[in-house]
Amino acid sequence: MFIVTGDDECVEAAYPKGVVRSKLSEAYWAKPDRYVIFRRPIGLTEELADRIVDVAQAQLGSKFDFSTSVHLAAQKNFLGWIINWLTSDEVNRAMESLVQDDNRWLCSALGAYCLKSQPEFDGIGILQKQPGMITPQELFESDELFEPVALTNGGRAPIRDQ
């Protein structure tokens, strides 16, 4: 997940570098193993886009969030589910308090933070959770935040010349 900040540019939380500015043409378009789907926030205006970009750019230089990566990996498997069930979700709540640091980011947490920082989106759908607790898939699938995905080519990935 990244925030588009220009015609050929985005801000993203990239492993292991942290929050960086990347060229889409180098980091994504030029790599045949990458397929990118853009989701446009509902009601996006130029002014709202500028505010989202400002929040993303303010995080440039922040570190990558390794601790949240470990927490999400533990939470999203059977053993993590059992531990949280046995502790009435106490372990999960304790871990949530550790991921409320605005100085470290995962890709989805940065995107969620940028949206949640806007009054138009704060508390809507998945943004009721702390940004660090939102997985990339959860954010991507949030139809309350994003316009529907417009598929081309019959809904299949584009065919690339080998």
N, C-alpha and C. Protein backbone atom coordinates (compact mmCIF):
# COMPACT_ATOMS: atom_id res chain seq x y z
N MET A 1 0.84 -1.17 0.00
CA MET A 1 0.00 0.00 0.00
C MET A 1 0.88 1.23 0.00
N PHE A 2 0.53 2.19 -0.82
CA PHE A 2 1.25 3.45 -0.85
C PHE A 2 0.29 4.57 -1.14
N ILE A 3 0.76 5.80 -0.91
CA ILE A 3 -0.02 7.00 -1.19
C ILE A 3 0.58 7.64 -2.44
N VAL A 4 -0.22 7.78 -3.48
CA VAL A 4 0.25 8.44 -4.71
C VAL A 4 0.40 9.92 -4.42
N THR A 5 1.58 10.46 -4.70
CA THR A 5 1.87 11.87 -4.41
C THR A 5 2.17 12.68 -5.66
N GLY A 6 2.22 12.02 -6.81
CA GLY A 6 2.50 12.72 -8.07
C GLY A 6 2.31 11.77 -9.23
N ASP A 7 2.55 12.25 -10.45
CA ASP A 7 2.36 11.42 -11.65
C ASP A 7 3.19 10.14 -11.62
N ASP A 8 4.39 10.20 -11.10
CA ASP A 8 5.29 9.04 -11.08
C ASP A 8 5.91 8.87 -9.70
N GLU A 9 5.11 9.12 -8.66
CA GLU A 9 5.70 9.15 -7.33
C GLU A 9 4.69 8.70 -6.29
N CYS A 10 5.22 8.06 -5.24
CA CYS A 10 4.40 7.68 -4.09
C CYS A 10 5.23 7.77 -2.82
N VAL A 11 4.54 7.79 -1.70
CA VAL A 11 5.18 7.67 -0.39
C VAL A 11 4.71 6.33 0.17
N GLU A 12 5.66 5.54 0.65
CA GLU A 12 5.32 4.21 1.15
C GLU A 12 6.23 3.82 2.31
N ALA A 13 5.72 2.91 3.13
CA ALA A 13 6.53 2.30 4.18
C ALA A 13 7.10 1.03 3.57
N ALA A 14 8.37 1.09 3.22
CA ALA A 14 9.02 0.00 2.49
C ALA A 14 9.97 -0.76 3.41
N TYR A 15 9.85 -2.07 3.38
CA TYR A 15 10.75 -2.93 4.17
C TYR A 15 12.13 -2.94 3.51
N PRO A 16 13.20 -2.81 4.21
CA PRO A 16 13.38 -2.46 5.62
C PRO A 16 13.67 -0.97 5.81
N LYS A 17 13.56 -0.19 4.73
CA LYS A 17 14.01 1.21 4.73
C LYS A 17 13.17 2.14 5.59
N GLY A 18 11.88 1.88 5.69
CA GLY A 18 10.99 2.80 6.39
C GLY A 18 10.20 3.62 5.39
N VAL A 19 9.75 4.78 5.80
CA VAL A 19 8.91 5.61 4.93
C VAL A 19 9.80 6.39 3.96
N VAL A 20 9.58 6.12 2.69
CA VAL A 20 10.40 6.71 1.63
C VAL A 20 9.51 7.20 0.49
N ARG A 21 10.09 8.03 -0.34
CA ARG A 21 9.46 8.46 -1.58
C ARG A 21 10.00 7.54 -2.68
N SER A 22 9.10 6.98 -3.49
CA SER A 22 9.51 6.05 -4.54
C SER A 22 8.95 6.50 -5.88
N LYS A 23 9.67 6.16 -6.94
CA LYS A 23 9.17 6.39 -8.29
C LYS A 23 8.36 5.16 -8.70
N LEU A 24 7.12 5.39 -9.09
CA LEU A 24 6.26 4.28 -9.52
C LEU A 24 6.87 3.55 -10.71
N SER A 25 7.49 4.30 -11.62
CA SER A 25 8.06 3.69 -12.83
C SER A 25 9.22 2.75 -12.50
N GLU A 26 9.91 2.99 -11.40
CA GLU A 26 11.03 2.13 -11.02
C GLU A 26 10.62 1.03 -10.04
N ALA A 27 9.84 1.40 -9.04
CA ALA A 27 9.50 0.46 -7.97
C ALA A 27 8.37 -0.49 -8.35
N TYR A 28 7.55 -0.11 -9.33
CA TYR A 28 6.38 -0.93 -9.66
C TYR A 28 6.26 -1.24 -11.15
N TRP A 29 6.16 -0.22 -12.00
CA TRP A 29 5.90 -0.47 -13.43
C TRP A 29 7.00 -1.29 -14.09
N ALA A 30 8.23 -1.07 -13.73
CA ALA A 30 9.36 -1.73 -14.39
C ALA A 30 9.55 -3.18 -13.94
N LYS A 31 8.79 -3.64 -12.98
CA LYS A 31 8.97 -4.98 -12.43
C LYS A 31 7.83 -5.89 -12.88
N PRO A 32 8.15 -6.90 -13.68
CA PRO A 32 7.09 -7.76 -14.23
C PRO A 32 6.35 -8.59 -13.18
N ASP A 33 6.91 -8.71 -11.98
CA ASP A 33 6.24 -9.50 -10.94
C ASP A 33 5.30 -8.65 -10.08
N ARG A 34 5.12 -7.40 -10.44
CA ARG A 34 4.25 -6.50 -9.67
C ARG A 34 2.99 -6.15 -10.45
N TYR A 35 1.87 -6.25 -9.79
CA TYR A 35 0.59 -5.86 -10.36
C TYR A 35 -0.05 -4.91 -9.35
N VAL A 36 -0.37 -3.71 -9.80
CA VAL A 36 -0.87 -2.68 -8.90
C VAL A 36 -2.32 -2.37 -9.22
N ILE A 37 -3.13 -2.31 -8.18
CA ILE A 37 -4.52 -1.88 -8.29
C ILE A 37 -4.67 -0.62 -7.45
N PHE A 38 -5.16 0.43 -8.06
CA PHE A 38 -5.37 1.68 -7.35
C PHE A 38 -6.80 1.73 -6.83
N ARG A 39 -6.95 2.22 -5.60
CA ARG A 39 -8.29 2.46 -5.04
C ARG A 39 -8.36 3.94 -4.71
N ARG A 40 -9.35 4.59 -5.27
CA ARG A 40 -9.55 6.03 -5.07
C ARG A 40 -10.47 6.24 -3.86
N PRO A 41 -10.03 7.04 -2.89
CA PRO A 41 -10.91 7.32 -1.75
C PRO A 41 -12.23 7.94 -2.21
N ILE A 42 -13.31 7.56 -1.58
CA ILE A 42 -14.62 8.11 -1.90
C ILE A 42 -14.62 9.61 -1.64
N GLY A 43 -15.16 10.36 -2.59
CA GLY A 43 -15.27 11.81 -2.43
C GLY A 43 -13.96 12.55 -2.54
N LEU A 44 -12.96 11.93 -3.17
CA LEU A 44 -11.64 12.57 -3.26
C LEU A 44 -11.72 13.86 -4.07
N THR A 45 -11.27 14.93 -3.48
CA THR A 45 -11.14 16.21 -4.16
C THR A 45 -9.66 16.57 -4.19
N GLU A 46 -9.31 17.58 -4.92
CA GLU A 46 -7.91 18.01 -4.96
C GLU A 46 -7.45 18.46 -3.57
N GLU A 47 -8.32 19.15 -2.85
CA GLU A 47 -7.98 19.63 -1.51
C GLU A 47 -7.79 18.46 -0.53
N LEU A 48 -8.68 17.47 -0.59
CA LEU A 48 -8.55 16.29 0.27
C LEU A 48 -7.29 15.51 -0.10
N ALA A 49 -7.03 15.35 -1.38
CA ALA A 49 -5.82 14.65 -1.82
C ALA A 49 -4.57 15.36 -1.30
N ASP A 50 -4.55 16.68 -1.35
CA ASP A 50 -3.40 17.44 -0.84
C ASP A 50 -3.20 17.20 0.65
N ARG A 51 -4.29 17.13 1.41
CA ARG A 51 -4.18 16.89 2.85
C ARG A 51 -3.65 15.49 3.13
N ILE A 52 -4.13 14.50 2.37
CA ILE A 52 -3.64 13.12 2.55
C ILE A 52 -2.16 13.05 2.22
N VAL A 53 -1.76 13.67 1.12
CA VAL A 53 -0.35 13.69 0.72
C VAL A 53 0.50 14.40 1.77
N ASP A 54 0.02 15.50 2.32
CA ASP A 54 0.77 16.21 3.36
C ASP A 54 1.04 15.32 4.57
N VAL A 55 0.03 14.55 4.98
CA VAL A 55 0.20 13.64 6.12
C VAL A 55 1.24 12.57 5.79
N ALA A 56 1.16 12.02 4.58
CA ALA A 56 2.13 10.99 4.17
C ALA A 56 3.55 11.55 4.13
N GLN A 57 3.70 12.71 3.53
CA GLN A 57 5.04 13.30 3.40
C GLN A 57 5.63 13.69 4.75
N ALA A 58 4.78 14.02 5.71
CA ALA A 58 5.27 14.35 7.05
C ALA A 58 5.92 13.14 7.73
N GLN A 59 5.63 11.94 7.24
CA GLN A 59 6.18 10.72 7.82
C GLN A 59 7.46 10.25 7.14
N LEU A 60 7.89 10.94 6.07
CA LEU A 60 9.13 10.56 5.38
C LEU A 60 10.28 10.48 6.39
N GLY A 61 11.05 9.41 6.32
CA GLY A 61 12.16 9.20 7.23
C GLY A 61 11.81 8.36 8.45
N SER A 62 10.52 8.14 8.70
CA SER A 62 10.13 7.29 9.82
C SER A 62 10.58 5.85 9.57
N LYS A 63 10.74 5.10 10.63
CA LYS A 63 11.24 3.73 10.52
C LYS A 63 10.15 2.75 10.12
N PHE A 64 10.58 1.59 9.60
CA PHE A 64 9.67 0.50 9.31
C PHE A 64 9.28 -0.14 10.64
N ASP A 65 8.04 -0.58 10.76
CA ASP A 65 7.52 -1.12 12.03
C ASP A 65 7.64 -2.64 12.07
N PHE A 66 8.77 -3.12 12.56
CA PHE A 66 9.00 -4.55 12.66
C PHE A 66 8.14 -5.19 13.75
N SER A 67 7.93 -4.49 14.87
CA SER A 67 7.17 -5.09 15.98
C SER A 67 5.72 -5.34 15.59
N THR A 68 5.12 -4.44 14.83
CA THR A 68 3.74 -4.66 14.39
C THR A 68 3.68 -5.80 13.39
N SER A 69 4.71 -5.95 12.57
CA SER A 69 4.76 -7.08 11.64
C SER A 69 4.68 -8.39 12.40
N VAL A 70 5.45 -8.48 13.47
CA VAL A 70 5.45 -9.69 14.29
C VAL A 70 4.09 -9.88 14.95
N HIS A 71 3.53 -8.81 15.48
CA HIS A 71 2.23 -8.90 16.14
C HIS A 71 1.15 -9.36 15.17
N LEU A 72 1.07 -8.77 13.99
CA LEU A 72 0.04 -9.17 13.03
C LEU A 72 0.23 -10.62 12.58
N ALA A 73 1.49 -11.03 12.41
CA ALA A 73 1.74 -12.42 12.03
C ALA A 73 1.27 -13.37 13.13
N ALA A 74 1.51 -13.00 14.39
CA ALA A 74 1.07 -13.86 15.50
C ALA A 74 -0.44 -13.83 15.65
N GLN A 75 -1.03 -12.69 15.44
CA GLN A 75 -2.48 -12.55 15.62
C GLN A 75 -3.26 -13.28 14.54
N LYS A 76 -2.74 -13.34 13.35
CA LYS A 76 -3.47 -13.87 12.20
C LYS A 76 -3.17 -15.34 11.92
N ASN A 77 -2.88 -16.11 12.96
CA ASN A 77 -2.71 -17.56 12.78
C ASN A 77 -3.45 -18.30 13.89
N PHE A 78 -3.53 -19.60 13.76
CA PHE A 78 -4.33 -20.41 14.68
C PHE A 78 -3.82 -20.31 16.12
N LEU A 79 -2.51 -20.37 16.31
CA LEU A 79 -1.95 -20.29 17.67
C LEU A 79 -2.29 -18.95 18.30
N GLY A 80 -2.16 -17.86 17.55
CA GLY A 80 -2.51 -16.53 18.06
C GLY A 80 -3.98 -16.45 18.43
N TRP A 81 -4.83 -17.06 17.61
CA TRP A 81 -6.27 -17.07 17.89
C TRP A 81 -6.54 -17.80 19.20
N ILE A 82 -5.89 -18.95 19.40
CA ILE A 82 -6.07 -19.73 20.63
C ILE A 82 -5.60 -18.93 21.85
N ILE A 83 -4.43 -18.32 21.76
CA ILE A 83 -3.91 -17.54 22.89
C ILE A 83 -4.85 -16.40 23.23
N ASN A 84 -5.34 -15.69 22.22
CA ASN A 84 -6.27 -14.59 22.49
C ASN A 84 -7.59 -15.10 23.07
N TRP A 85 -8.05 -16.24 22.61
CA TRP A 85 -9.28 -16.83 23.14
C TRP A 85 -9.09 -17.22 24.60
N LEU A 86 -7.95 -17.86 24.92
CA LEU A 86 -7.68 -18.29 26.29
C LEU A 86 -7.50 -17.12 27.25
N THR A 87 -7.03 -15.99 26.74
CA THR A 87 -6.78 -14.82 27.60
C THR A 87 -7.87 -13.76 27.48
N SER A 88 -9.01 -14.15 26.90
CA SER A 88 -10.12 -13.20 26.69
C SER A 88 -9.65 -11.95 25.95
N ASP A 89 -8.77 -12.16 24.98
CA ASP A 89 -8.25 -11.10 24.10
C ASP A 89 -7.29 -10.14 24.81
N GLU A 90 -6.83 -10.48 26.02
CA GLU A 90 -5.90 -9.62 26.76
C GLU A 90 -4.57 -9.46 26.02
N VAL A 91 -4.05 -10.53 25.45
CA VAL A 91 -2.77 -10.45 24.73
C VAL A 91 -2.92 -9.52 23.54
N ASN A 92 -4.01 -9.64 22.83
CA ASN A 92 -4.24 -8.78 21.67
C ASN A 92 -4.34 -7.31 22.10
N ARG A 93 -5.06 -7.01 23.16
CA ARG A 93 -5.18 -5.63 23.64
C ARG A 93 -3.83 -5.08 24.08
N ALA A 94 -3.03 -5.91 24.73
CA ALA A 94 -1.69 -5.47 25.15
C ALA A 94 -0.83 -5.16 23.94
N MET A 95 -0.91 -6.00 22.92
CA MET A 95 -0.13 -5.76 21.70
C MET A 95 -0.62 -4.51 20.97
N GLU A 96 -1.92 -4.26 20.98
CA GLU A 96 -2.45 -3.06 20.33
C GLU A 96 -1.84 -1.80 20.93
N SER A 97 -1.62 -1.80 22.24
CA SER A 97 -1.03 -0.61 22.86
C SER A 97 0.41 -0.39 22.38
N LEU A 98 1.07 -1.44 21.94
CA LEU A 98 2.45 -1.32 21.45
C LEU A 98 2.52 -0.80 20.02
N VAL A 99 1.42 -0.88 19.28
CA VAL A 99 1.46 -0.48 17.87
C VAL A 99 0.89 0.91 17.65
N GLN A 100 0.73 1.68 18.72
CA GLN A 100 0.20 3.03 18.59
C GLN A 100 1.31 4.06 18.52
N ASP A 101 2.36 3.76 17.80
CA ASP A 101 3.52 4.64 17.67
C ASP A 101 3.51 5.26 16.27
N ASP A 102 3.41 6.57 16.20
CA ASP A 102 3.38 7.25 14.92
C ASP A 102 4.78 7.51 14.36
N ASN A 103 5.78 6.83 14.88
CA ASN A 103 7.15 7.00 14.38
C ASN A 103 7.64 5.77 13.63
N ARG A 104 6.80 4.73 13.53
CA ARG A 104 7.14 3.49 12.81
C ARG A 104 5.91 3.09 12.02
N TRP A 105 6.14 2.55 10.81
CA TRP A 105 5.00 2.25 9.95
C TRP A 105 5.15 0.97 9.16
N LEU A 106 4.03 0.29 8.99
CA LEU A 106 3.85 -0.74 7.97
C LEU A 106 3.12 -0.06 6.82
N CYS A 107 3.12 -0.68 5.66
CA CYS A 107 2.48 -0.07 4.50
C CYS A 107 1.01 0.24 4.75
N SER A 108 0.27 -0.74 5.26
CA SER A 108 -1.16 -0.53 5.47
C SER A 108 -1.42 0.45 6.61
N ALA A 109 -0.59 0.43 7.64
CA ALA A 109 -0.77 1.35 8.76
C ALA A 109 -0.56 2.79 8.32
N LEU A 110 0.43 3.02 7.48
CA LEU A 110 0.68 4.37 6.97
C LEU A 110 -0.51 4.85 6.14
N GLY A 111 -1.00 4.01 5.25
CA GLY A 111 -2.16 4.38 4.45
C GLY A 111 -3.38 4.65 5.31
N ALA A 112 -3.63 3.78 6.29
CA ALA A 112 -4.77 3.96 7.19
C ALA A 112 -4.62 5.24 8.00
N TYR A 113 -3.42 5.52 8.46
CA TYR A 113 -3.16 6.74 9.24
C TYR A 113 -3.43 7.99 8.41
N CYS A 114 -2.99 7.98 7.16
CA CYS A 114 -3.20 9.14 6.29
C CYS A 114 -4.69 9.39 6.07
N LEU A 115 -5.46 8.31 5.90
CA LEU A 115 -6.91 8.46 5.73
C LEU A 115 -7.59 8.84 7.04
N LYS A 116 -7.23 8.16 8.11
CA LYS A 116 -7.85 8.39 9.42
C LYS A 116 -7.59 9.82 9.91
N SER A 117 -6.52 10.43 9.44
CA SER A 117 -6.20 11.81 9.82
C SER A 117 -7.16 12.82 9.21
N GLN A 118 -7.99 12.37 8.29
CA GLN A 118 -8.94 13.26 7.62
C GLN A 118 -10.31 13.12 8.29
N PRO A 119 -10.96 14.22 8.63
CA PRO A 119 -12.27 14.12 9.30
C PRO A 119 -13.31 13.37 8.45
N GLU A 120 -13.14 13.39 7.14
CA GLU A 120 -14.08 12.69 6.27
C GLU A 120 -14.06 11.18 6.45
N PHE A 121 -12.92 10.64 6.94
CA PHE A 121 -12.76 9.19 7.03
C PHE A 121 -12.58 8.66 8.44
N ASP A 122 -12.24 9.50 9.39
CA ASP A 122 -11.97 9.04 10.76
C ASP A 122 -13.18 8.29 11.32
N GLY A 123 -12.95 7.06 11.74
CA GLY A 123 -13.99 6.24 12.36
C GLY A 123 -14.90 5.53 11.38
N ILE A 124 -14.63 5.61 10.09
CA ILE A 124 -15.45 4.95 9.08
C ILE A 124 -14.91 3.54 8.83
N GLY A 125 -15.79 2.54 8.88
CA GLY A 125 -15.42 1.17 8.55
C GLY A 125 -14.20 0.70 9.32
N ILE A 126 -13.23 0.20 8.59
CA ILE A 126 -12.01 -0.37 9.18
C ILE A 126 -11.22 0.67 9.97
N LEU A 127 -11.44 1.95 9.70
CA LEU A 127 -10.70 3.01 10.40
C LEU A 127 -11.22 3.24 11.82
N GLN A 128 -12.11 2.37 12.28
CA GLN A 128 -12.48 2.37 13.70
C GLN A 128 -11.35 1.73 14.52
N LYS A 129 -10.51 0.95 13.85
CA LYS A 129 -9.36 0.30 14.51
C LYS A 129 -8.16 1.24 14.47
N GLN A 130 -7.18 0.95 15.32
CA GLN A 130 -5.91 1.68 15.26
C GLN A 130 -5.23 1.36 13.93
N PRO A 131 -4.60 2.34 13.28
CA PRO A 131 -3.95 2.07 11.98
C PRO A 131 -2.99 0.88 12.01
N GLY A 132 -2.26 0.70 13.10
CA GLY A 132 -1.30 -0.40 13.19
C GLY A 132 -1.94 -1.78 13.26
N MET A 133 -3.25 -1.83 13.49
CA MET A 133 -3.95 -3.10 13.59
C MET A 133 -4.69 -3.46 12.30
N ILE A 134 -4.51 -2.67 11.26
CA ILE A 134 -5.22 -2.88 10.00
C ILE A 134 -4.27 -3.54 9.01
N THR A 135 -4.66 -4.69 8.51
CA THR A 135 -3.82 -5.39 7.54
C THR A 135 -4.00 -4.77 6.15
N PRO A 136 -3.04 -4.99 5.26
CA PRO A 136 -3.19 -4.47 3.89
C PRO A 136 -4.47 -4.95 3.22
N GLN A 137 -4.82 -6.22 3.41
CA GLN A 137 -6.03 -6.75 2.78
C GLN A 137 -7.29 -6.09 3.33
N GLU A 138 -7.34 -5.89 4.64
CA GLU A 138 -8.50 -5.23 5.24
C GLU A 138 -8.68 -3.82 4.69
N LEU A 139 -7.58 -3.10 4.57
CA LEU A 139 -7.67 -1.74 4.05
C LEU A 139 -8.08 -1.75 2.58
N PHE A 140 -7.47 -2.61 1.80
CA PHE A 140 -7.79 -2.70 0.37
C PHE A 140 -9.26 -3.02 0.15
N GLU A 141 -9.82 -3.90 0.96
CA GLU A 141 -11.21 -4.34 0.78
C GLU A 141 -12.24 -3.39 1.39
N SER A 142 -11.81 -2.27 1.94
CA SER A 142 -12.72 -1.36 2.62
C SER A 142 -13.54 -0.54 1.62
N ASP A 143 -14.70 -1.07 1.28
CA ASP A 143 -15.58 -0.39 0.33
C ASP A 143 -16.23 0.85 0.93
N GLU A 144 -16.18 1.01 2.26
CA GLU A 144 -16.69 2.22 2.89
C GLU A 144 -15.76 3.41 2.64
N LEU A 145 -14.49 3.11 2.33
CA LEU A 145 -13.49 4.17 2.14
C LEU A 145 -13.17 4.43 0.68
N PHE A 146 -13.30 3.40 -0.15
CA PHE A 146 -12.82 3.51 -1.52
C PHE A 146 -13.92 3.27 -2.54
N GLU A 147 -13.78 3.94 -3.68
CA GLU A 147 -14.68 3.69 -4.80
C GLU A 147 -14.45 2.26 -5.30
N PRO A 148 -15.44 1.67 -5.97
CA PRO A 148 -15.27 0.30 -6.48
C PRO A 148 -14.08 0.21 -7.44
N VAL A 149 -13.47 -0.96 -7.46
CA VAL A 149 -12.36 -1.22 -8.38
C VAL A 149 -12.95 -1.38 -9.78
N ALA A 150 -12.39 -0.65 -10.73
CA ALA A 150 -12.83 -0.76 -12.12
C ALA A 150 -11.88 -1.73 -12.82
N LEU A 151 -12.38 -2.93 -13.13
CA LEU A 151 -11.56 -3.93 -13.78
C LEU A 151 -11.66 -3.81 -15.30
N THR A 152 -10.56 -4.06 -15.96
CA THR A 152 -10.52 -4.08 -17.42
C THR A 152 -10.06 -5.46 -17.85
N ASN A 153 -10.08 -5.74 -19.12
CA ASN A 153 -9.59 -7.01 -19.64
C ASN A 153 -10.39 -8.18 -19.04
N GLY A 154 -11.70 -7.98 -18.87
CA GLY A 154 -12.55 -9.04 -18.34
C GLY A 154 -12.24 -9.41 -16.91
N GLY A 155 -11.61 -8.50 -16.15
CA GLY A 155 -11.30 -8.77 -14.76
C GLY A 155 -10.01 -9.56 -14.57
N ARG A 156 -9.28 -9.81 -15.66
CA ARG A 156 -8.02 -10.55 -15.57
C ARG A 156 -6.85 -9.58 -15.53
N ALA A 157 -5.77 -10.07 -15.01
CA ALA A 157 -4.54 -9.25 -15.01
C ALA A 157 -4.12 -9.03 -16.46
N PRO A 158 -3.53 -7.88 -16.75
CA PRO A 158 -3.11 -7.61 -18.12
C PRO A 158 -2.06 -8.62 -18.59
N ILE A 159 -2.10 -8.93 -19.86
CA ILE A 159 -1.12 -9.84 -20.44
C ILE A 159 0.14 -9.05 -20.74
N ARG A 160 1.27 -9.57 -20.32
CA ARG A 160 2.54 -8.87 -20.54
C ARG A 160 3.37 -9.65 -21.54
N ASP A 161 4.07 -8.92 -22.36
CA ASP A 161 5.01 -9.55 -23.29
C ASP A 161 6.18 -10.13 -22.51
N GLN A 162 6.55 -11.32 -22.82
CA GLN A 162 7.65 -11.97 -22.09
C GLN A 162 8.95 -11.64 -22.71
